[in-house]
Amino acid sequence: MKALFLRRAVQRFYKAKGFQAIFPKGGIHCGNAMIDGEVKAGAWRVAVELKSDRDDLLRGLGQLLEALSHGYDMALLVTSQARAERLDNKVFDASGIGLAAVNSKGEVTFKTEPKIVKF
């Protein structure tokens, strides 16, 4: 699945919930990393990293950990349904990073809910 499809699905999902999803061109500079976007939910800020089927997941986790250490309250990794099913949820449970899967219809489901993390 392409990152553009993932981005549109996440924007639609959070807009329906009344939150503001921001995905600027070039990403958001956060420490030494660039994240794809953020969601503002009241006073909370959620860092969002989109990973298509060909992207490096480990790099995405590193970017999200960098975002958490630079002031974001929560972090969310978004990928395709098939790829999310192959991942071990223990990594996400231990780190507090959420894992969301997008199916071919553009529906977002959470495999692991993001937790508020403060370093």
Protein backbone atom coordinates (compact mmCIF):
# COMPACT_ATOMS: atom_id res chain seq x y z
CA MET A 1 0.00 0.00 0.00
CA LYS A 2 1.30 3.44 -0.84
CA ALA A 3 1.94 6.10 1.80
CA LEU A 4 -0.56 8.46 0.14
CA PHE A 5 -3.36 5.91 0.62
CA LEU A 6 -2.33 5.42 4.28
CA ARG A 7 -2.21 9.20 4.86
CA ARG A 8 -5.69 9.75 3.44
CA ALA A 9 -7.12 6.90 5.51
CA VAL A 10 -5.60 8.31 8.73
CA GLN A 11 -6.81 11.84 7.93
CA ARG A 12 -10.34 10.57 7.27
CA PHE A 13 -10.33 8.49 10.48
CA TYR A 14 -9.23 11.32 12.77
CA LYS A 15 -11.36 13.97 11.05
CA ALA A 16 -14.43 11.80 11.73
CA LYS A 17 -13.46 11.78 15.41
CA GLY A 18 -13.10 15.58 15.47
CA PHE A 19 -9.29 15.74 15.70
CA GLN A 20 -6.89 17.69 13.52
CA ALA A 21 -4.51 15.55 11.41
CA ILE A 22 -1.56 17.45 9.92
CA PHE A 23 0.67 15.90 7.24
CA PRO A 24 2.87 18.62 5.69
CA LYS A 25 5.00 17.99 2.59
CA GLY A 26 8.47 16.95 3.67
CA GLY A 27 7.30 15.85 7.11
CA ILE A 28 7.82 17.39 10.53
CA HIS A 29 11.36 17.89 11.84
CA CYS A 30 11.66 16.36 15.29
CA GLY A 31 15.15 16.22 16.78
CA ASN A 32 17.32 14.25 14.37
CA ALA A 33 14.35 12.56 12.72
CA MET A 34 11.49 13.45 10.41
CA ILE A 35 8.01 12.15 11.15
CA ASP A 36 5.26 12.04 8.54
CA GLY A 37 2.62 13.89 10.50
CA GLU A 38 0.86 14.60 13.75
CA VAL A 39 -2.62 14.51 15.20
CA LYS A 40 -3.72 17.16 17.66
CA ALA A 41 -6.25 15.85 20.12
CA GLY A 42 -6.97 18.69 22.53
CA ALA A 43 -3.78 19.26 24.51
CA TRP A 44 -2.24 15.98 23.34
CA ARG A 45 -0.04 15.58 20.29
CA VAL A 46 0.32 12.22 18.57
CA ALA A 47 3.30 11.60 16.24
CA VAL A 48 2.28 9.53 13.19
CA GLU A 49 4.66 7.55 10.99
CA LEU A 50 3.33 5.96 7.80
CA LYS A 51 5.10 2.86 6.50
CA SER A 52 4.24 1.39 3.13
CA ASP A 53 4.93 -2.24 2.29
CA ARG A 54 8.47 -1.50 1.09
CA ASP A 55 9.57 0.85 3.91
CA ASP A 56 11.87 -0.04 6.80
CA LEU A 57 9.80 -0.57 9.98
CA LEU A 58 12.77 -0.40 12.32
CA ARG A 59 13.61 3.08 11.02
CA GLY A 60 9.98 4.10 11.63
CA LEU A 61 10.14 2.90 15.24
CA GLY A 62 13.33 4.90 15.74
CA GLN A 63 11.70 8.02 14.34
CA LEU A 64 8.73 7.61 16.67
CA LEU A 65 10.95 7.11 19.72
CA GLU A 66 12.81 10.29 18.74
CA ALA A 67 9.48 12.12 18.53
CA LEU A 68 8.46 10.87 21.97
CA SER A 69 11.72 12.12 23.45
CA HIS A 70 11.12 15.56 21.89
CA GLY A 71 7.75 16.34 23.44
CA TYR A 72 5.09 14.25 21.72
CA ASP A 73 2.65 12.56 24.09
CA MET A 74 1.88 9.48 21.98
CA ALA A 75 3.20 7.77 18.86
CA LEU A 76 1.45 5.74 16.16
CA LEU A 77 2.87 3.55 13.39
CA VAL A 78 0.46 3.04 10.47
CA THR A 79 0.94 0.27 7.91
CA SER A 80 -1.10 -2.11 5.76
CA GLN A 81 -3.30 -4.82 7.25
CA ALA A 82 -1.22 -7.69 5.88
CA ARG A 83 2.03 -6.26 7.20
CA ALA A 84 0.58 -5.43 10.63
CA GLU A 85 -0.62 -9.01 11.08
CA ARG A 86 2.93 -10.30 10.61
CA LEU A 87 4.35 -8.05 13.35
CA ASP A 88 4.79 -9.06 16.99
CA ASN A 89 2.69 -6.86 19.27
CA LYS A 90 5.12 -7.27 22.20
CA VAL A 91 7.35 -4.53 20.79
CA PHE A 92 4.48 -2.07 20.68
CA ASP A 93 3.12 -3.04 24.11
CA ALA A 94 6.52 -2.55 25.75
CA SER A 95 7.33 0.79 24.10
CA GLY A 96 3.87 2.38 24.26
CA ILE A 97 3.85 3.00 20.50
CA GLY A 98 0.53 2.26 18.85
CA LEU A 99 0.12 0.10 15.76
CA ALA A 100 -2.67 0.82 13.29
CA ALA A 101 -3.54 -1.21 10.20
CA VAL A 102 -5.29 0.05 7.08
CA ASN A 103 -7.16 -2.46 4.94
CA SER A 104 -7.83 -2.23 1.19
CA LYS A 105 -11.06 -0.29 1.80
CA GLY A 106 -9.21 2.42 3.72
CA GLU A 107 -10.57 1.43 7.13
CA VAL A 108 -8.24 2.00 10.10
CA THR A 109 -8.08 -0.58 12.90
CA PHE A 110 -5.82 -0.49 15.93
CA LYS A 111 -3.76 -3.59 16.69
CA THR A 112 -2.19 -1.83 19.69
CA GLU A 113 -3.54 1.40 21.17
CA PRO A 114 -0.98 4.19 21.67
CA LYS A 115 -0.19 5.04 25.30
CA ILE A 116 0.85 8.34 26.80
CA VAL A 117 4.62 8.12 27.20
CA LYS A 118 6.81 10.67 28.94
CA PHE A 119 10.59 10.30 28.86
